[in-house]
PDB file of N, CA and C in Angstrom:
ATOM      1  N   UNK A   1       4.266 -21.217  19.571  1.00  0.00           N
ATOM      2  CA  UNK A   1       4.592 -20.054  20.380  1.00  0.00           C
ATOM      3  C   UNK A   1       3.924 -20.201  21.740  1.00  0.00           C
ATOM      4  N   UNK A   2       4.669 -19.892  22.784  1.00  0.00           N
ATOM      5  CA  UNK A   2       4.126 -19.922  24.131  1.00  0.00           C
ATOM      6  C   UNK A   2       3.163 -18.767  24.342  1.00  0.00           C
ATOM      7  N   UNK A   3       2.296 -18.932  25.323  1.00  0.00           N
ATOM      8  CA  UNK A   3       1.360 -17.863  25.662  1.00  0.00           C
ATOM      9  C   UNK A   3       2.082 -16.762  26.424  1.00  0.00           C
ATOM     10  N   UNK A   4       1.603 -15.543  26.270  1.00  0.00           N
ATOM     11  CA  UNK A   4       2.158 -14.428  27.024  1.00  0.00           C
ATOM     12  C   UNK A   4       1.738 -14.567  28.488  1.00  0.00           C
ATOM     13  N   UNK A   5       2.609 -14.157  29.403  1.00  0.00           N
ATOM     14  CA  UNK A   5       2.301 -14.322  30.829  1.00  0.00           C
ATOM     15  C   UNK A   5       1.242 -13.338  31.312  1.00  0.00           C
ATOM     16  N   UNK A   6       0.507 -13.726  32.328  1.00  0.00           N
ATOM     17  CA  UNK A   6      -0.461 -12.850  32.999  1.00  0.00           C
ATOM     18  C   UNK A   6       0.173 -12.403  34.310  1.00  0.00           C
ATOM     19  N   UNK A   7       1.006 -11.370  34.250  1.00  0.00           N
ATOM     20  CA  UNK A   7       1.737 -10.893  35.407  1.00  0.00           C
ATOM     21  C   UNK A   7       1.317  -9.485  35.775  1.00  0.00           C
ATOM     22  N   UNK A   8       1.678  -9.087  36.979  1.00  0.00           N
ATOM     23  CA  UNK A   8       1.370  -7.741  37.465  1.00  0.00           C
ATOM     24  C   UNK A   8       2.214  -6.707  36.718  1.00  0.00           C
ATOM     25  N   UNK A   9       1.804  -5.447  36.845  1.00  0.00           N
ATOM     26  CA  UNK A   9       2.534  -4.363  36.205  1.00  0.00           C
ATOM     27  C   UNK A   9       3.973  -4.272  36.662  1.00  0.00           C
ATOM     28  N   UNK A  10       4.216  -4.499  37.954  1.00  0.00           N
ATOM     29  CA  UNK A  10       5.586  -4.430  38.492  1.00  0.00           C
ATOM     30  C   UNK A  10       6.484  -5.467  37.822  1.00  0.00           C
ATOM     31  N   UNK A  11       5.973  -6.674  37.662  1.00  0.00           N
ATOM     32  CA  UNK A  11       6.765  -7.739  37.045  1.00  0.00           C
ATOM     33  C   UNK A  11       7.017  -7.423  35.564  1.00  0.00           C
ATOM     34  N   UNK A  12       6.023  -6.884  34.884  1.00  0.00           N
ATOM     35  CA  UNK A  12       6.186  -6.508  33.467  1.00  0.00           C
ATOM     36  C   UNK A  12       7.232  -5.399  33.335  1.00  0.00           C
ATOM     37  N   UNK A  13       7.223  -4.453  34.261  1.00  0.00           N
ATOM     38  CA  UNK A  13       8.237  -3.388  34.258  1.00  0.00           C
ATOM     39  C   UNK A  13       9.631  -3.990  34.370  1.00  0.00           C
ATOM     40  N   UNK A  14       9.800  -4.957  35.270  1.00  0.00           N
ATOM     41  CA  UNK A  14      11.102  -5.615  35.433  1.00  0.00           C
ATOM     42  C   UNK A  14      11.572  -6.269  34.140  1.00  0.00           C
ATOM     43  N   UNK A  15      10.646  -6.847  33.389  1.00  0.00           N
ATOM     44  CA  UNK A  15      11.001  -7.487  32.116  1.00  0.00           C
ATOM     45  C   UNK A  15      11.481  -6.444  31.115  1.00  0.00           C
ATOM     46  N   UNK A  16      10.764  -5.329  31.005  1.00  0.00           N
ATOM     47  CA  UNK A  16      11.183  -4.289  30.061  1.00  0.00           C
ATOM     48  C   UNK A  16      12.503  -3.649  30.487  1.00  0.00           C
ATOM     49  N   UNK A  17      12.783  -3.601  31.769  1.00  0.00           N
ATOM     50  CA  UNK A  17      14.068  -3.071  32.225  1.00  0.00           C
ATOM     51  C   UNK A  17      15.224  -3.939  31.742  1.00  0.00           C
ATOM     52  N   UNK A  18      15.003  -5.230  31.564  1.00  0.00           N
ATOM     53  CA  UNK A  18      16.042  -6.109  31.009  1.00  0.00           C
ATOM     54  C   UNK A  18      16.380  -5.727  29.579  1.00  0.00           C
ATOM     55  N   UNK A  19      15.437  -5.089  28.882  1.00  0.00           N
ATOM     56  CA  UNK A  19      15.638  -4.666  27.496  1.00  0.00           C
ATOM     57  C   UNK A  19      16.160  -3.232  27.405  1.00  0.00           C
ATOM     58  N   UNK A  20      16.475  -2.616  28.538  1.00  0.00           N
ATOM     59  CA  UNK A  20      17.050  -1.272  28.515  1.00  0.00           C
ATOM     60  C   UNK A  20      16.092  -0.146  28.831  1.00  0.00           C
ATOM     61  N   UNK A  21      14.832  -0.446  29.109  1.00  0.00           N
ATOM     62  CA  UNK A  21      13.856   0.578  29.467  1.00  0.00           C
ATOM     63  C   UNK A  21      14.054   0.957  30.932  1.00  0.00           C
ATOM     64  N   UNK A  22      13.854   2.238  31.254  1.00  0.00           N
ATOM     65  CA  UNK A  22      13.965   2.701  32.638  1.00  0.00           C
ATOM     66  C   UNK A  22      12.719   3.504  33.007  1.00  0.00           C
ATOM     67  N   UNK A  23      12.394   3.480  34.293  1.00  0.00           N
ATOM     68  CA  UNK A  23      11.250   4.258  34.777  1.00  0.00           C
ATOM     69  C   UNK A  23      11.662   5.724  34.803  1.00  0.00           C
ATOM     70  N   UNK A  24      10.956   6.531  34.031  1.00  0.00           N
ATOM     71  CA  UNK A  24      11.228   7.964  33.958  1.00  0.00           C
ATOM     72  C   UNK A  24      10.485   8.709  35.052  1.00  0.00           C
ATOM     73  N   UNK A  25       9.211   8.321  35.250  1.00  0.00           N
ATOM     74  CA  UNK A  25       8.404   8.977  36.276  1.00  0.00           C
ATOM     75  C   UNK A  25       7.175   8.116  36.568  1.00  0.00           C
ATOM     76  N   UNK A  26       6.505   8.471  37.629  1.00  0.00           N
ATOM     77  CA  UNK A  26       5.276   7.794  38.011  1.00  0.00           C
ATOM     78  C   UNK A  26       4.189   8.841  38.103  1.00  0.00           C
ATOM     79  N   UNK A  27       3.084   8.597  37.412  1.00  0.00           N
ATOM     80  CA  UNK A  27       1.940   9.509  37.451  1.00  0.00           C
ATOM     81  C   UNK A  27       0.745   8.730  37.973  1.00  0.00           C
ATOM     82  N   UNK A  28       0.441   8.906  39.250  1.00  0.00           N
ATOM     83  CA  UNK A  28      -0.625   8.132  39.879  1.00  0.00           C
ATOM     84  C   UNK A  28      -0.209   6.684  39.967  1.00  0.00           C
ATOM     85  N   UNK A  29      -0.975   5.809  39.342  1.00  0.00           N
ATOM     86  CA  UNK A  29      -0.642   4.386  39.352  1.00  0.00           C
ATOM     87  C   UNK A  29      -0.029   3.936  38.022  1.00  0.00           C
ATOM     88  N   UNK A  30       0.396   4.884  37.194  1.00  0.00           N
ATOM     89  CA  UNK A  30       0.976   4.558  35.898  1.00  0.00           C
ATOM     90  C   UNK A  30       2.465   4.892  35.882  1.00  0.00           C
ATOM     91  N   UNK A  31       3.255   3.899  35.511  1.00  0.00           N
ATOM     92  CA  UNK A  31       4.699   4.074  35.414  1.00  0.00           C
ATOM     93  C   UNK A  31       5.038   4.389  33.960  1.00  0.00           C
ATOM     94  N   UNK A  32       5.837   5.431  33.759  1.00  0.00           N
ATOM     95  CA  UNK A  32       6.238   5.861  32.421  1.00  0.00           C
ATOM     96  C   UNK A  32       7.675   5.402  32.205  1.00  0.00           C
ATOM     97  N   UNK A  33       7.885   4.549  31.206  1.00  0.00           N
ATOM     98  CA  UNK A  33       9.211   4.026  30.904  1.00  0.00           C
ATOM     99  C   UNK A  33       9.737   4.655  29.620  1.00  0.00           C
ATOM    100  N   UNK A  34      11.029   4.929  29.598  1.00  0.00           N
ATOM    101  CA  UNK A  34      11.691   5.480  28.419  1.00  0.00           C
ATOM    102  C   UNK A  34      12.929   4.640  28.123  1.00  0.00           C
ATOM    103  N   UNK A  35      13.400   4.745  26.881  1.00  0.00           N
ATOM    104  CA  UNK A  35      14.613   4.037  26.478  1.00  0.00           C
ATOM    105  C   UNK A  35      15.443   4.967  25.626  1.00  0.00           C
ATOM    106  N   UNK A  36      16.712   5.046  25.948  1.00  0.00           N
ATOM    107  CA  UNK A  36      17.610   5.902  25.193  1.00  0.00           C
ATOM    108  C   UNK A  36      17.670   5.437  23.743  1.00  0.00           C
ATOM    109  N   UNK A  37      17.610   6.377  22.836  1.00  0.00           N
ATOM    110  CA  UNK A  37      17.679   6.057  21.416  1.00  0.00           C
ATOM    111  C   UNK A  37      16.332   5.860  20.751  1.00  0.00           C
ATOM    112  N   UNK A  38      15.259   6.001  21.522  1.00  0.00           N
ATOM    113  CA  UNK A  38      13.928   5.871  20.949  1.00  0.00           C
ATOM    114  C   UNK A  38      13.046   6.988  21.481  1.00  0.00           C
ATOM    115  N   UNK A  39      12.085   7.388  20.671  1.00  0.00           N
ATOM    116  CA  UNK A  39      11.157   8.438  21.098  1.00  0.00           C
ATOM    117  C   UNK A  39       9.922   7.852  21.761  1.00  0.00           C
ATOM    118  N   UNK A  40       9.737   6.525  21.659  1.00  0.00           N
ATOM    119  CA  UNK A  40       8.570   5.876  22.256  1.00  0.00           C
ATOM    120  C   UNK A  40       8.634   5.906  23.773  1.00  0.00           C
ATOM    121  N   UNK A  41       7.471   5.869  24.379  1.00  0.00           N
ATOM    122  CA  UNK A  41       7.367   5.678  25.823  1.00  0.00           C
ATOM    123  C   UNK A  41       6.409   4.523  26.061  1.00  0.00           C
ATOM    124  N   UNK A  42       6.569   3.880  27.199  1.00  0.00           N
ATOM    125  CA  UNK A  42       5.651   2.822  27.604  1.00  0.00           C
ATOM    126  C   UNK A  42       4.945   3.286  28.869  1.00  0.00           C
ATOM    127  N   UNK A  43       3.639   3.157  28.906  1.00  0.00           N
ATOM    128  CA  UNK A  43       2.845   3.522  30.079  1.00  0.00           C
ATOM    129  C   UNK A  43       2.256   2.231  30.634  1.00  0.00           C
ATOM    130  N   UNK A  44       2.714   1.855  31.825  1.00  0.00           N
ATOM    131  CA  UNK A  44       2.309   0.586  32.411  1.00  0.00           C
ATOM    132  C   UNK A  44       1.556   0.845  33.713  1.00  0.00           C
ATOM    133  N   UNK A  45       0.300   0.405  33.789  1.00  0.00           N
ATOM    134  CA  UNK A  45      -0.458   0.576  35.027  1.00  0.00           C
ATOM    135  C   UNK A  45      -0.015  -0.441  36.077  1.00  0.00           C
ATOM    136  N   UNK A  46       0.101   0.027  37.311  1.00  0.00           N
ATOM    137  CA  UNK A  46       0.447  -0.861  38.420  1.00  0.00           C
ATOM    138  C   UNK A  46      -0.668  -0.741  39.442  1.00  0.00           C
ATOM    139  N   UNK A  47      -1.484  -1.766  39.499  1.00  0.00           N
ATOM    140  CA  UNK A  47      -2.605  -1.790  40.436  1.00  0.00           C
ATOM    141  C   UNK A  47      -2.460  -3.003  41.342  1.00  0.00           C
ATOM    142  N   UNK A  48      -1.518  -2.913  42.262  1.00  0.00           N
ATOM    143  CA  UNK A  48      -1.262  -4.023  43.171  1.00  0.00           C
ATOM    144  C   UNK A  48      -0.802  -5.255  42.414  1.00  0.00           C
ATOM    145  N   UNK A  49      -1.429  -6.385  42.719  1.00  0.00           N
ATOM    146  CA  UNK A  49      -1.057  -7.642  42.069  1.00  0.00           C
ATOM    147  C   UNK A  49      -1.971  -7.977  40.894  1.00  0.00           C
ATOM    148  N   UNK A  50      -2.804  -7.027  40.487  1.00  0.00           N
ATOM    149  CA  UNK A  50      -3.721  -7.252  39.373  1.00  0.00           C
ATOM    150  C   UNK A  50      -2.912  -7.416  38.080  1.00  0.00           C
ATOM    151  N   UNK A  51      -3.175  -8.492  37.325  1.00  0.00           N
ATOM    152  CA  UNK A  51      -2.379  -8.730  36.111  1.00  0.00           C
ATOM    153  C   UNK A  51      -2.735  -7.761  34.984  1.00  0.00           C
ATOM    154  N   UNK A  52      -1.733  -7.515  34.153  1.00  0.00           N
ATOM    155  CA  UNK A  52      -1.914  -6.705  32.947  1.00  0.00           C
ATOM    156  C   UNK A  52      -2.716  -7.536  31.945  1.00  0.00           C
ATOM    157  N   UNK A  53      -3.699  -6.930  31.307  1.00  0.00           N
ATOM    158  CA  UNK A  53      -4.502  -7.646  30.313  1.00  0.00           C
ATOM    159  C   UNK A  53      -3.664  -7.912  29.064  1.00  0.00           C
ATOM    160  N   UNK A  54      -3.995  -9.000  28.398  1.00  0.00           N
ATOM    161  CA  UNK A  54      -3.199  -9.464  27.258  1.00  0.00           C
ATOM    162  C   UNK A  54      -3.161  -8.441  26.122  1.00  0.00           C
ATOM    163  N   UNK A  55      -4.269  -7.796  25.825  1.00  0.00           N
ATOM    164  CA  UNK A  55      -4.284  -6.795  24.755  1.00  0.00           C
ATOM    165  C   UNK A  55      -3.338  -5.637  25.034  1.00  0.00           C
ATOM    166  N   UNK A  56      -3.322  -5.172  26.272  1.00  0.00           N
ATOM    167  CA  UNK A  56      -2.408  -4.098  26.659  1.00  0.00           C
ATOM    168  C   UNK A  56      -0.963  -4.575  26.568  1.00  0.00           C
ATOM    169  N   UNK A  57      -0.699  -5.785  27.034  1.00  0.00           N
ATOM    170  CA  UNK A  57       0.661  -6.316  26.985  1.00  0.00           C
ATOM    171  C   UNK A  57       1.150  -6.433  25.541  1.00  0.00           C
ATOM    172  N   UNK A  58       0.289  -6.902  24.640  1.00  0.00           N
ATOM    173  CA  UNK A  58       0.676  -6.995  23.230  1.00  0.00           C
ATOM    174  C   UNK A  58       1.014  -5.621  22.663  1.00  0.00           C
ATOM    175  N   UNK A  59       0.242  -4.601  23.043  1.00  0.00           N
ATOM    176  CA  UNK A  59       0.523  -3.237  22.593  1.00  0.00           C
ATOM    177  C   UNK A  59       1.836  -2.719  23.141  1.00  0.00           C
ATOM    178  N   UNK A  60       2.115  -3.010  24.398  1.00  0.00           N
ATOM    179  CA  UNK A  60       3.379  -2.585  25.003  1.00  0.00           C
ATOM    180  C   UNK A  60       4.566  -3.246  24.312  1.00  0.00           C
ATOM    181  N   UNK A  61       4.431  -4.525  24.018  1.00  0.00           N
ATOM    182  CA  UNK A  61       5.505  -5.251  23.330  1.00  0.00           C
ATOM    183  C   UNK A  61       5.760  -4.631  21.959  1.00  0.00           C
ATOM    184  N   UNK A  62       4.701  -4.329  21.247  1.00  0.00           N
ATOM    185  CA  UNK A  62       4.831  -3.706  19.922  1.00  0.00           C
ATOM    186  C   UNK A  62       5.468  -2.323  20.031  1.00  0.00           C
ATOM    187  N   UNK A  63       4.998  -1.511  20.992  1.00  0.00           N
ATOM    188  CA  UNK A  63       5.550  -0.164  21.172  1.00  0.00           C
ATOM    189  C   UNK A  63       7.025  -0.200  21.568  1.00  0.00           C
ATOM    190  N   UNK A  64       7.445  -1.283  22.237  1.00  0.00           N
ATOM    191  CA  UNK A  64       8.842  -1.420  22.645  1.00  0.00           C
ATOM    192  C   UNK A  64       9.732  -1.876  21.489  1.00  0.00           C
ATOM    193  N   UNK A  65       9.115  -2.182  20.341  1.00  0.00           N
ATOM    194  CA  UNK A  65       9.892  -2.620  19.185  1.00  0.00           C
ATOM    195  C   UNK A  65      10.278  -4.084  19.247  1.00  0.00           C
ATOM    196  N   UNK A  66       9.537  -4.868  20.016  1.00  0.00           N
ATOM    197  CA  UNK A  66       9.811  -6.290  20.164  1.00  0.00           C
ATOM    198  C   UNK A  66       8.711  -7.105  19.499  1.00  0.00           C
ATOM    199  N   UNK A  67       8.969  -8.383  19.340  1.00  0.00           N
ATOM    200  CA  UNK A  67       7.922  -9.319  18.957  1.00  0.00           C
ATOM    201  C   UNK A  67       7.681 -10.224  20.165  1.00  0.00           C
ATOM    202  N   UNK A  68       6.575 -10.936  20.153  1.00  0.00           N
ATOM    203  CA  UNK A  68       6.209 -11.756  21.310  1.00  0.00           C
ATOM    204  C   UNK A  68       7.313 -12.724  21.715  1.00  0.00           C
ATOM    205  N   UNK A  69       7.970 -13.349  20.749  1.00  0.00           N
ATOM    206  CA  UNK A  69       9.016 -14.320  21.052  1.00  0.00           C
ATOM    207  C   UNK A  69      10.190 -13.656  21.777  1.00  0.00           C
ATOM    208  N   UNK A  70      10.567 -12.446  21.356  1.00  0.00           N
ATOM    209  CA  UNK A  70      11.658 -11.725  22.030  1.00  0.00           C
ATOM    210  C   UNK A  70      11.270 -11.387  23.461  1.00  0.00           C
ATOM    211  N   UNK A  71      10.023 -10.989  23.659  1.00  0.00           N
ATOM    212  CA  UNK A  71       9.555 -10.676  25.001  1.00  0.00           C
ATOM    213  C   UNK A  71       9.604 -11.927  25.886  1.00  0.00           C
ATOM    214  N   UNK A  72       9.197 -13.061  25.339  1.00  0.00           N
ATOM    215  CA  UNK A  72       9.216 -14.302  26.111  1.00  0.00           C
ATOM    216  C   UNK A  72      10.638 -14.711  26.480  1.00  0.00           C
ATOM    217  N   UNK A  73      11.596 -14.450  25.593  1.00  0.00           N
ATOM    218  CA  UNK A  73      13.002 -14.721  25.909  1.00  0.00           C
ATOM    219  C   UNK A  73      13.426 -13.869  27.105  1.00  0.00           C
ATOM    220  N   UNK A  74      13.028 -12.599  27.107  1.00  0.00           N
ATOM    221  CA  UNK A  74      13.346 -11.731  28.240  1.00  0.00           C
ATOM    222  C   UNK A  74      12.686 -12.231  29.522  1.00  0.00           C
ATOM    223  N   UNK A  75      11.493 -12.785  29.404  1.00  0.00           N
ATOM    224  CA  UNK A  75      10.756 -13.261  30.573  1.00  0.00           C
ATOM    225  C   UNK A  75      11.416 -14.448  31.237  1.00  0.00           C
ATOM    226  N   UNK A  76      11.877 -15.391  30.435  1.00  0.00           N
ATOM    227  CA  UNK A  76      12.287 -16.677  30.987  1.00  0.00           C
ATOM    228  C   UNK A  76      13.777 -16.945  30.943  1.00  0.00           C
ATOM    229  N   UNK A  77      14.558 -16.052  30.363  1.00  0.00           N
ATOM    230  CA  UNK A  77      16.011 -16.191  30.368  1.00  0.00           C
ATOM    231  C   UNK A  77      16.621 -14.955  31.010  1.00  0.00           C
ATOM    232  N   UNK A  78      17.688 -15.148  31.724  1.00  0.00           N
ATOM    233  CA  UNK A  78      18.307 -14.017  32.408  1.00  0.00           C
ATOM    234  C   UNK A  78      19.045 -13.112  31.437  1.00  0.00           C
ATOM    235  N   UNK A  79      19.602 -13.678  30.370  1.00  0.00           N
ATOM    236  CA  UNK A  79      20.334 -12.880  29.399  1.00  0.00           C
ATOM    237  C   UNK A  79      19.689 -13.034  28.034  1.00  0.00           C
ATOM    238  N   UNK A  80      19.652 -11.918  27.301  1.00  0.00           N
ATOM    239  CA  UNK A  80      19.096 -11.939  25.950  1.00  0.00           C
ATOM    240  C   UNK A  80      20.121 -12.509  24.998  1.00  0.00           C
ATOM    241  N   UNK A  81      19.683 -13.386  24.109  1.00  0.00           N
ATOM    242  CA  UNK A  81      20.607 -14.017  23.158  1.00  0.00           C
ATOM    243  C   UNK A  81      20.639 -13.294  21.860  1.00  0.00           C
TER     244      UNK A  81
END
């Protein structure tokens, strides 16, 4: 399994948007993402170009209903297979 990327919050948001998540609102430096058909929300901090820590990213992936491999497919392929 490949390692999870160390990317900024903005880039991570773009990846989740490929999976159908949309930005619902912004509260300070935290972006709140929602997805139709699920009650979960994702809270992603955006602090400039500072990367998201791996533990937080793993939690976000789990809360989104994905596994690491599915997230990596979204990261490096334009279309989900």
